[in-house]
């Protein structure tokens, strides 16, 4: 992208800014909203932004108690701690599982990784959370 401060085409900085991302736990859904800002690799000016909006179900009842009754209520969770960090992923395999050899055909995804601890209200048991919410780099808009 073109940086307005440097007035030339530049690469992005190694880390994006995820300080505007909020994480909220509603029942069994982890809601992630906010923006990821990408800075110029030379001067640090914000040159691109991407909106992250995702709802991730963290229901552990399906994994833990596969033989439970259908009429049982889903568990409620409380977020004890959470940490949001920048995450980048490059797709290196195509949809059939074969490696993508040329870099120009690989898709790049940028977003956030959320790690933390959720406590089940019913019995106080704590569960470790590690989820990723990302968008394709081409979907970022210029600032």
Protein backbone atom coordinates (compact mmCIF):
# COMPACT_ATOMS: atom_id res chain seq x y z
CA UNK A 1 0.00 0.00 0.00
CA UNK A 2 1.01 3.58 -0.41
CA UNK A 3 1.93 5.45 2.77
CA UNK A 4 0.72 9.09 2.86
CA UNK A 5 3.62 10.14 5.13
CA UNK A 6 6.49 8.42 3.27
CA UNK A 7 4.81 9.03 -0.11
CA UNK A 8 5.87 5.65 -1.50
CA UNK A 9 4.78 2.02 -1.58
CA UNK A 10 5.75 0.29 1.66
CA UNK A 11 5.28 -3.01 3.45
CA UNK A 12 3.34 -3.41 6.69
CA UNK A 13 5.00 -3.45 10.10
CA UNK A 14 5.53 -6.87 11.69
CA UNK A 15 2.82 -6.39 14.33
CA UNK A 16 -0.65 -4.89 13.91
CA UNK A 17 -2.43 -2.77 16.52
CA UNK A 18 -5.25 -4.68 18.26
CA UNK A 19 -5.86 -2.25 21.14
CA UNK A 20 -9.41 -1.48 19.91
CA UNK A 21 -10.57 -5.12 20.02
CA UNK A 22 -13.10 -6.07 22.71
CA UNK A 23 -13.87 -9.58 23.95
CA UNK A 24 -17.13 -10.43 25.72
CA UNK A 25 -18.55 -13.76 26.85
CA UNK A 26 -22.34 -14.18 26.56
CA UNK A 27 -23.43 -17.60 27.80
CA UNK A 28 -21.42 -19.94 25.57
CA UNK A 29 -20.64 -17.40 22.82
CA UNK A 30 -17.35 -15.51 22.77
CA UNK A 31 -18.04 -12.22 20.94
CA UNK A 32 -15.05 -10.46 19.37
CA UNK A 33 -15.50 -6.95 17.92
CA UNK A 34 -13.13 -4.16 16.96
CA UNK A 35 -10.55 -3.14 14.40
CA UNK A 36 -7.08 -4.32 13.52
CA UNK A 37 -4.82 -1.47 12.37
CA UNK A 38 -1.81 -2.11 10.13
CA UNK A 39 1.06 0.39 10.23
CA UNK A 40 3.67 1.45 7.70
CA UNK A 41 6.88 -0.59 8.03
CA UNK A 42 9.04 2.54 7.79
CA UNK A 43 7.32 5.37 9.67
CA UNK A 44 4.60 3.62 11.74
CA UNK A 45 1.63 5.56 10.33
CA UNK A 46 -1.69 3.69 10.21
CA UNK A 47 -2.29 2.80 6.56
CA UNK A 48 -4.92 0.03 6.66
CA UNK A 49 -7.71 -1.16 8.92
CA UNK A 50 -9.83 -4.28 9.08
CA UNK A 51 -12.99 -4.81 11.10
CA UNK A 52 -13.06 -7.98 13.19
CA UNK A 53 -16.51 -9.16 14.19
CA UNK A 54 -16.99 -12.77 15.19
CA UNK A 55 -19.05 -14.93 17.52
CA UNK A 56 -17.41 -18.20 18.54
CA UNK A 57 -19.29 -20.93 20.42
CA UNK A 58 -17.23 -22.43 23.28
CA UNK A 59 -19.78 -24.96 24.54
CA UNK A 60 -17.75 -27.74 26.20
CA UNK A 61 -20.81 -29.77 27.16
CA UNK A 62 -20.77 -31.51 23.76
CA UNK A 63 -17.18 -32.67 24.24
CA UNK A 64 -17.34 -33.45 27.93
CA UNK A 65 -20.73 -35.17 28.25
CA UNK A 66 -21.61 -36.76 24.92
CA UNK A 67 -24.23 -38.99 26.61
CA UNK A 68 -26.13 -36.18 28.40
CA UNK A 69 -29.86 -35.70 28.16
CA UNK A 70 -31.32 -33.43 25.50
CA UNK A 71 -33.44 -31.45 27.98
CA UNK A 72 -30.38 -30.26 29.92
CA UNK A 73 -29.71 -26.51 29.77
CA UNK A 74 -26.49 -25.32 28.07
CA UNK A 75 -23.75 -24.22 30.44
CA UNK A 76 -23.18 -20.57 31.32
CA UNK A 77 -19.61 -19.28 31.47
CA UNK A 78 -17.87 -16.30 33.00
CA UNK A 79 -14.69 -14.82 31.51
CA UNK A 80 -11.98 -14.84 34.19
CA UNK A 81 -9.14 -13.46 32.08
CA UNK A 82 -8.43 -12.81 28.42
CA UNK A 83 -5.54 -11.58 26.33
CA UNK A 84 -5.78 -10.32 22.75
CA UNK A 85 -2.77 -10.40 20.45
CA UNK A 86 -2.11 -9.87 16.74
CA UNK A 87 -2.21 -13.01 14.58
CA UNK A 88 -1.15 -13.60 10.98
CA UNK A 89 -1.58 -16.78 8.97
CA UNK A 90 -0.57 -17.70 5.41
CA UNK A 91 -2.53 -20.42 3.65
CA UNK A 92 0.04 -22.92 2.42
CA UNK A 93 -2.30 -25.70 1.23
CA UNK A 94 -5.10 -25.61 -1.31
CA UNK A 95 -8.61 -26.97 -0.71
CA UNK A 96 -7.56 -30.50 -1.68
CA UNK A 97 -4.63 -30.49 0.77
CA UNK A 98 -1.82 -30.08 -1.75
CA UNK A 99 0.95 -27.57 -0.93
CA UNK A 100 0.79 -24.22 -2.71
CA UNK A 101 4.26 -23.80 -4.21
CA UNK A 102 4.12 -20.24 -5.54
CA UNK A 103 3.83 -17.50 -2.90
CA UNK A 104 1.66 -15.32 -5.15
CA UNK A 105 -1.20 -17.84 -4.88
CA UNK A 106 -1.13 -18.07 -1.08
CA UNK A 107 -3.79 -16.17 0.84
CA UNK A 108 -2.73 -14.10 3.84
CA UNK A 109 -5.06 -13.71 6.82
CA UNK A 110 -4.61 -11.13 9.59
CA UNK A 111 -6.58 -10.85 12.79
CA UNK A 112 -6.51 -11.58 16.51
CA UNK A 113 -5.78 -14.55 18.75
CA UNK A 114 -7.70 -14.63 22.03
CA UNK A 115 -6.33 -16.65 24.92
CA UNK A 116 -7.81 -16.75 28.37
CA UNK A 117 -9.71 -18.62 31.03
CA UNK A 118 -13.47 -19.14 31.24
CA UNK A 119 -15.14 -20.45 34.40
CA UNK A 120 -18.28 -22.55 34.25
CA UNK A 121 -20.82 -21.04 36.64
CA UNK A 122 -22.50 -24.37 37.50
CA UNK A 123 -19.47 -25.97 39.21
CA UNK A 124 -16.64 -23.40 39.03
CA UNK A 125 -14.49 -25.51 36.72
CA UNK A 126 -12.09 -23.44 34.61
CA UNK A 127 -11.40 -23.99 30.91
CA UNK A 128 -8.55 -22.61 28.81
CA UNK A 129 -9.63 -20.68 25.69
CA UNK A 130 -7.47 -20.30 22.57
CA UNK A 131 -9.38 -19.04 19.51
CA UNK A 132 -8.49 -17.10 16.37
CA UNK A 133 -10.61 -14.56 14.52
CA UNK A 134 -9.14 -13.40 11.22
CA UNK A 135 -9.97 -11.76 7.90
CA UNK A 136 -8.25 -11.95 4.54
CA UNK A 137 -5.57 -9.29 4.05
CA UNK A 138 -7.16 -8.10 0.81
CA UNK A 139 -10.30 -7.12 2.78
CA UNK A 140 -8.42 -4.42 4.72
CA UNK A 141 -9.33 -0.84 3.77
CA UNK A 142 -6.99 2.11 3.42
CA UNK A 143 -7.14 4.69 6.20
